[in-house]
Protein backbone atom coordinates (compact mmCIF):
# COMPACT_ATOMS: atom_id res chain seq x y z
CA MET A 1 0.00 0.00 0.00
CA GLY A 2 2.89 2.40 0.70
CA ALA A 3 4.12 2.03 -2.87
CA GLN A 4 0.62 2.73 -4.22
CA LEU A 5 0.37 5.87 -2.09
CA ARG A 6 3.65 7.16 -3.55
CA VAL A 7 2.31 6.56 -7.08
CA TYR A 8 -0.81 8.60 -6.33
CA LYS A 9 1.25 11.43 -4.86
CA ARG A 10 3.48 11.54 -7.95
CA ARG A 11 0.42 11.69 -10.21
CA ILE A 12 -1.15 14.47 -8.14
CA LYS A 13 2.10 16.45 -8.38
CA SER A 14 2.28 15.92 -12.16
CA VAL A 15 -1.35 16.92 -12.79
CA THR A 16 -0.97 19.96 -10.53
CA ALA A 17 1.97 21.16 -12.63
CA THR A 18 -0.08 20.66 -15.81
CA LYS A 19 -2.98 22.57 -14.25
CA LYS A 20 -0.72 25.55 -13.58
CA ILE A 21 0.30 25.61 -17.25
CA THR A 22 -3.25 25.35 -18.60
CA LYS A 23 -4.46 28.02 -16.16
CA ALA A 24 -1.70 30.38 -17.27
CA MET A 25 -2.51 29.76 -20.95
CA GLU A 26 -6.20 30.37 -20.24
CA MET A 27 -5.44 33.74 -18.65
CA ILE A 28 -3.09 34.76 -21.48
CA ALA A 29 -5.69 33.85 -24.12
CA ALA A 30 -8.39 35.75 -22.20
CA SER A 31 -6.25 38.90 -22.13
CA ARG A 32 -5.49 38.66 -25.86
CA ILE A 33 -9.15 38.24 -26.84
CA ILE A 34 -9.94 41.81 -25.75
CA LYS A 35 -7.15 43.25 -27.90
CA ALA A 36 -8.20 41.13 -30.87
CA GLN A 37 -11.83 42.22 -30.47
CA ARG A 38 -10.83 45.89 -30.50
CA LYS A 39 -8.85 45.38 -33.70
CA VAL A 40 -11.83 43.66 -35.34
CA GLU A 41 -14.15 46.50 -34.32
CA ALA A 42 -11.67 49.05 -35.64
CA SER A 43 -11.16 47.36 -39.03
CA THR A 44 -14.78 46.40 -39.82
CA PRO A 45 -16.13 49.95 -40.52
CA TYR A 46 -13.28 50.64 -42.96
CA ALA A 47 -13.89 47.37 -44.82
CA ASP A 48 -17.64 48.04 -44.95
CA GLU A 49 -17.21 51.61 -46.24
CA LEU A 50 -14.73 50.45 -48.84
CA THR A 51 -17.24 47.84 -50.02
CA ALA A 52 -19.87 50.60 -50.18
CA ALA A 53 -17.52 52.72 -52.29
CA VAL A 54 -16.95 49.83 -54.69
CA THR A 55 -20.72 49.31 -54.84
CA ALA A 56 -21.24 52.97 -55.70
CA VAL A 57 -18.68 52.79 -58.50
CA ALA A 58 -20.24 49.58 -59.84
CA TYR A 59 -23.71 51.14 -59.88
CA GLY A 60 -22.50 54.40 -61.27
CA ALA A 61 -20.63 53.01 -64.27
CA ASP A 62 -21.15 50.19 -66.73
CA VAL A 63 -17.63 48.81 -67.05
CA LYS A 64 -16.36 45.25 -67.07
CA HIS A 65 -13.84 44.81 -64.30
CA PRO A 66 -12.59 41.73 -62.38
CA LEU A 67 -13.78 43.37 -59.16
CA THR A 68 -17.44 43.51 -60.16
CA THR A 69 -17.91 41.41 -63.30
CA GLU A 70 -18.45 37.68 -63.09
CA ALA A 71 -16.96 35.48 -65.82
CA GLU A 72 -19.44 33.87 -68.17
CA ASN A 73 -17.97 30.39 -67.67
CA PRO A 74 -15.74 30.45 -64.56
CA THR A 75 -13.27 27.57 -64.61
CA ARG A 76 -10.74 28.38 -61.88
CA ALA A 77 -11.21 29.54 -58.29
CA ALA A 78 -8.81 30.49 -55.51
CA VAL A 79 -9.58 29.46 -51.92
CA LEU A 80 -7.82 31.21 -49.03
CA LEU A 81 -7.95 29.11 -45.84
CA VAL A 82 -7.13 30.76 -42.49
CA THR A 83 -6.02 28.42 -39.67
CA SER A 84 -3.72 28.79 -36.66
CA ASP A 85 0.01 28.43 -36.15
CA ARG A 86 -0.36 26.74 -32.76
CA GLY A 87 -2.52 24.02 -31.31
CA LEU A 88 -4.26 23.69 -27.94
CA ALA A 89 -7.30 25.52 -29.33
CA GLY A 90 -9.82 22.71 -29.45
CA GLY A 91 -11.41 22.19 -32.85
CA TYR A 92 -10.65 25.70 -34.14
CA SER A 93 -8.35 24.75 -37.04
CA SER A 94 -10.03 21.43 -37.84
CA ASN A 95 -13.43 23.13 -38.20
CA ALA A 96 -12.00 25.71 -40.60
CA ILE A 97 -10.31 22.96 -42.60
CA LYS A 98 -13.60 21.02 -42.81
CA ALA A 99 -15.35 24.14 -44.15
CA ALA A 100 -12.59 24.58 -46.76
CA GLU A 101 -12.85 20.92 -47.76
CA LEU A 102 -16.61 21.27 -48.22
CA LEU A 103 -16.16 24.43 -50.31
CA THR A 104 -13.47 22.75 -52.43
CA THR A 105 -15.77 19.80 -53.07
CA THR A 106 -18.59 22.15 -54.10
CA LEU A 107 -16.36 24.10 -56.50
CA THR A 108 -14.95 20.87 -57.94
CA ASN A 109 -18.48 19.60 -58.57
CA GLU A 110 -19.08 22.83 -60.48
CA ARG A 111 -16.18 21.80 -62.74
CA LYS A 112 -13.82 24.46 -61.41
CA ASP A 113 -10.12 23.97 -60.74
CA VAL A 114 -9.32 25.02 -57.16
CA LEU A 115 -6.10 26.78 -56.19
CA THR A 116 -5.50 26.63 -52.44
CA TYR A 117 -3.78 29.35 -50.40
CA ILE A 118 -3.25 28.75 -46.69
CA VAL A 119 -2.53 30.88 -43.64
CA GLY A 120 -1.33 29.03 -40.52
CA ARG A 121 0.90 26.02 -39.83
CA LYS A 122 -2.04 23.75 -38.96
CA GLY A 123 -3.55 24.09 -42.41
CA VAL A 124 -0.17 23.76 -44.13
CA SER A 125 0.60 20.58 -42.16
CA TYR A 126 -2.80 19.12 -43.01
CA TYR A 127 -2.34 19.61 -46.75
CA ASN A 128 1.34 18.59 -46.76
CA PHE A 129 0.57 15.37 -44.89
CA ARG A 130 -2.00 14.47 -47.55
CA GLU A 131 0.37 15.58 -50.33
CA ARG A 132 -2.06 18.14 -51.71
CA LYS A 133 -0.83 21.05 -53.75
CA VAL A 134 -0.74 24.47 -52.09
CA GLU A 135 -0.18 27.50 -54.29
CA ASP A 136 1.19 29.65 -51.48
CA SER A 137 1.22 29.70 -47.68
CA TRP A 138 2.01 32.08 -44.82
CA THR A 139 2.82 31.30 -41.19
CA GLY A 140 4.00 32.97 -38.00
CA PHE A 141 1.41 35.71 -37.44
CA THR A 142 -2.03 34.11 -36.97
CA ASP A 143 -2.40 35.12 -33.30
CA SER A 144 -1.58 38.79 -33.98
CA PRO A 145 -1.83 39.72 -37.70
CA THR A 146 -0.92 43.14 -39.03
CA TYR A 147 -2.00 45.01 -42.15
CA ALA A 148 1.41 44.23 -43.68
CA ASP A 149 0.60 40.52 -43.29
CA ALA A 150 -2.74 41.08 -45.02
CA LYS A 151 -0.98 42.84 -47.93
CA ALA A 152 1.46 39.94 -48.27
CA VAL A 153 -1.42 37.45 -48.38
CA SER A 154 -3.48 39.58 -50.78
CA ALA A 155 -0.75 40.21 -53.35
CA PRO A 156 -0.74 36.75 -55.04
CA LEU A 157 -4.56 36.61 -54.91
CA ILE A 158 -4.88 39.95 -56.72
CA GLU A 159 -2.24 38.90 -59.24
CA ALA A 160 -4.06 35.62 -59.90
CA LEU A 161 -7.37 37.46 -60.43
CA GLN A 162 -5.86 39.94 -62.87
CA ARG A 163 -4.11 37.19 -64.87
CA PRO A 164 -6.08 35.33 -67.61
CA THR A 165 -7.15 31.82 -66.65
CA ALA A 166 -5.25 30.43 -69.64
CA GLU A 167 -2.07 31.75 -68.04
CA GLY A 168 -2.83 30.35 -64.59
CA GLY A 169 -5.19 33.04 -63.31
CA VAL A 170 -8.50 32.61 -61.51
CA ASP A 171 -12.08 33.78 -62.02
CA GLU A 172 -13.12 33.81 -58.35
CA ILE A 173 -11.57 34.31 -54.91
CA HIS A 174 -13.10 32.66 -51.85
CA VAL A 175 -11.99 32.98 -48.23
CA VAL A 176 -12.59 30.50 -45.40
CA TYR A 177 -12.04 31.72 -41.86
CA THR A 178 -13.57 31.54 -38.39
CA GLU A 179 -15.91 34.40 -37.56
CA PHE A 180 -15.86 35.71 -34.00
CA VAL A 181 -19.46 35.87 -32.78
CA SER A 182 -18.95 35.88 -29.01
CA MET A 183 -16.65 34.50 -26.33
CA MET A 184 -18.50 31.19 -26.53
CA THR A 185 -19.34 31.06 -30.24
CA GLN A 186 -16.94 31.09 -33.19
CA THR A 187 -18.31 29.97 -36.54
CA PRO A 188 -16.33 28.80 -39.60
CA VAL A 189 -17.60 30.71 -42.64
CA GLU A 190 -16.80 30.74 -46.34
CA ARG A 191 -17.39 33.82 -48.46
CA ARG A 192 -16.73 34.78 -52.03
CA MET A 193 -14.60 37.88 -51.99
CA LEU A 194 -14.38 38.45 -55.72
CA PRO A 195 -16.09 39.16 -57.97
CA LEU A 196 -18.63 41.13 -55.96
CA THR A 197 -22.28 40.39 -56.57
CA PHE A 198 -24.95 43.09 -56.53
CA GLU A 199 -28.70 42.88 -56.62
CA LYS A 200 -29.87 45.63 -58.94
CA THR A 201 -33.46 45.92 -60.13
CA ALA A 202 -34.98 48.18 -62.76
CA GLU A 203 -37.01 49.93 -60.08
CA ASP A 204 -33.85 50.64 -58.07
CA SER A 205 -32.15 52.06 -61.13
CA ALA A 206 -35.10 54.31 -61.92
CA LYS A 207 -35.54 55.68 -58.41
CA VAL A 208 -31.83 55.82 -57.59
CA PHE A 209 -32.67 54.70 -54.07
CA MET A 210 -31.47 51.82 -51.92
CA GLY A 211 -33.98 51.26 -49.14
CA ASP A 212 -34.35 54.55 -47.29
CA ARG A 213 -30.92 55.72 -48.30
CA VAL A 214 -30.34 57.91 -51.35
CA ARG A 215 -27.68 56.50 -53.63
CA ALA A 216 -25.27 59.20 -54.74
CA LEU A 217 -24.45 59.81 -58.38
CA TYR A 218 -20.77 60.05 -59.29
CA ASP A 219 -18.67 61.46 -62.08
CA PHE A 220 -15.36 59.65 -62.55
CA GLU A 221 -12.05 61.16 -63.52
CA PRO A 222 -10.18 59.93 -65.40
CA SER A 223 -12.48 56.83 -65.68
CA ALA A 224 -14.51 54.40 -63.60
CA GLU A 225 -12.23 51.55 -64.66
CA GLU A 226 -9.17 53.29 -63.24
CA VAL A 227 -11.06 53.98 -60.01
CA LEU A 228 -11.86 50.26 -59.75
CA ASP A 229 -8.22 49.43 -60.49
CA ALA A 230 -7.22 51.60 -57.54
CA LEU A 231 -9.91 50.16 -55.25
CA LEU A 232 -9.24 46.49 -56.10
CA PRO A 233 -6.07 45.97 -54.02
CA ARG A 234 -7.40 48.03 -51.13
CA TYR A 235 -10.68 46.13 -51.08
CA VAL A 236 -8.95 42.72 -51.07
CA GLU A 237 -6.42 43.80 -48.46
CA SER A 238 -9.10 45.21 -46.14
CA ARG A 239 -11.24 42.07 -46.43
CA VAL A 240 -8.29 39.74 -45.88
CA TYR A 241 -7.14 41.84 -42.91
CA ASN A 242 -10.61 41.71 -41.36
CA ALA A 243 -10.74 37.93 -41.90
CA LEU A 244 -7.32 37.51 -40.25
CA LEU A 245 -8.41 39.60 -37.26
CA GLN A 246 -11.68 37.68 -36.93
CA ALA A 247 -9.74 34.42 -37.06
CA ALA A 248 -7.23 35.65 -34.45
CA ALA A 249 -9.99 36.61 -32.02
CA SER A 250 -11.68 33.25 -32.63
CA GLU A 251 -8.40 31.41 -32.06
CA HIS A 252 -7.83 33.10 -28.69
CA ALA A 253 -11.43 32.45 -27.63
CA ALA A 254 -11.18 28.78 -28.65
CA ARG A 255 -7.86 28.40 -26.83
CA ARG A 256 -9.24 30.04 -23.68
CA ARG A 257 -12.21 27.69 -23.73
CA ALA A 258 -10.02 24.64 -24.35
CA MET A 259 -7.58 25.58 -21.59
CA LYS A 260 -10.42 26.25 -19.15
CA SER A 261 -11.80 22.79 -19.91
CA ALA A 262 -8.33 21.29 -19.40
CA THR A 263 -7.95 23.13 -16.08
CA ASP A 264 -11.35 21.91 -14.88
CA ASN A 265 -10.48 18.36 -15.90
CA ALA A 266 -7.15 18.60 -14.08
CA GLU A 267 -8.98 19.66 -10.91
CA GLU A 268 -11.29 16.64 -11.19
CA VAL A 269 -8.30 14.32 -11.71
CA ILE A 270 -6.55 15.81 -8.68
CA LYS A 271 -9.67 15.28 -6.55
CA SER A 272 -9.95 11.69 -7.77
CA PHE A 273 -6.31 10.89 -7.03
CA THR A 274 -6.58 12.64 -3.65
CA ARG A 275 -9.49 10.39 -2.68
CA LEU A 276 -7.55 7.33 -3.83
CA ALA A 277 -4.45 8.50 -1.88
CA ASN A 278 -6.54 9.08 1.23
CA ALA A 279 -8.06 5.61 0.88
CA ALA A 280 -4.59 4.07 0.45
CA ARG A 281 -3.26 5.97 3.47
CA GLN A 282 -6.26 4.88 5.54
CA ALA A 283 -5.67 1.30 4.45
CA ASP A 284 -2.02 1.59 5.54
CA ILE A 285 -3.06 2.97 8.94
CA THR A 286 -5.67 0.25 9.39
CA GLN A 287 -3.13 -2.41 8.47
CA GLU A 288 -0.57 -1.00 10.92
CA ILE A 289 -3.17 -0.89 13.71
CA SER A 290 -4.17 -4.45 12.95
CA GLU A 291 -0.54 -5.55 13.08
CA ILE A 292 -0.01 -3.76 16.41
CA VAL A 293 -3.17 -5.23 17.90
CA GLY A 294 -2.24 -8.65 16.57
CA GLY A 295 1.27 -8.36 18.03
CA ALA A 296 -0.07 -7.23 21.40
CA SER A 297 -2.52 -10.12 21.47
CA ALA A 298 0.27 -12.56 20.65
CA LEU A 299 2.45 -11.17 23.44
CA ALA A 300 -0.47 -11.36 25.86
CA ASP A 301 -1.16 -14.98 24.90
CA ALA A 302 2.54 -15.85 25.26
CA SER A 303 2.69 -14.21 28.70
CA ALA A 304 -0.43 -16.04 29.85
CA GLY A 305 1.02 -19.37 28.70
CA SER A 306 4.29 -18.83 30.62
CA ASP A 307 2.41 -18.01 33.82
CA ARG A 308 0.73 -21.37 33.67
């Protein structure tokens, strides 16, 4: 029993050390969520207003541009997948990968060739392990992305969109990332970034209204096409940056939740081993008492026999 008690004590010590680590990681992730949320809130209005500006240009001019014009027979699509560089975040990366796999299957069924771009070591490892082709990948910044990172990710996507499909270009750009809804909810989403789609009816065009909001009329100098050329990289960069920030906030929230669950489980394991250790110690004490009582009884019997 003494040996068993030592085993329990070693396990309690080991789990306690693990609990300290998971608790520290939980607190770090919790502190980073707030910063990530603020960045998301700061970047979203800019991305939305830029989209509104592109919409205004698209409505105000009839020009064919990769930003707003859909190909008649799209044959190639780019998919940008955003995962994490580190683990210990529950199903965060695996859920995003599943969403990308589903999107890839859908595009393939539509007879489109899919070019995959990946952010995060988890996604890169997943595709490399399965020997799947990756056009380009970026790692090392998923927990705290900057606008420079978004520009680096956007550059090959913009280049692929502007290049003819016969020369290796693409007709569409899709992005798969995890949207931060709340501390407890993060949802993998897939969205088509380019080309933009607009719902424009004849009645809207006649009234020049969108809901209760008057749509402004614009004159373009030197041309609407050049305005769209200038807006294209900024639109893609802003949307990619917002997706990276959403994914970063989701990653921290998922890691905090996973580490909290690990800490709670460690506490339950410690309680279980403590009960087992107490039972083993009690058994040792009971055995020692029994041996003492047995020895005393034997001595008493021996003394009584000698007196006779």
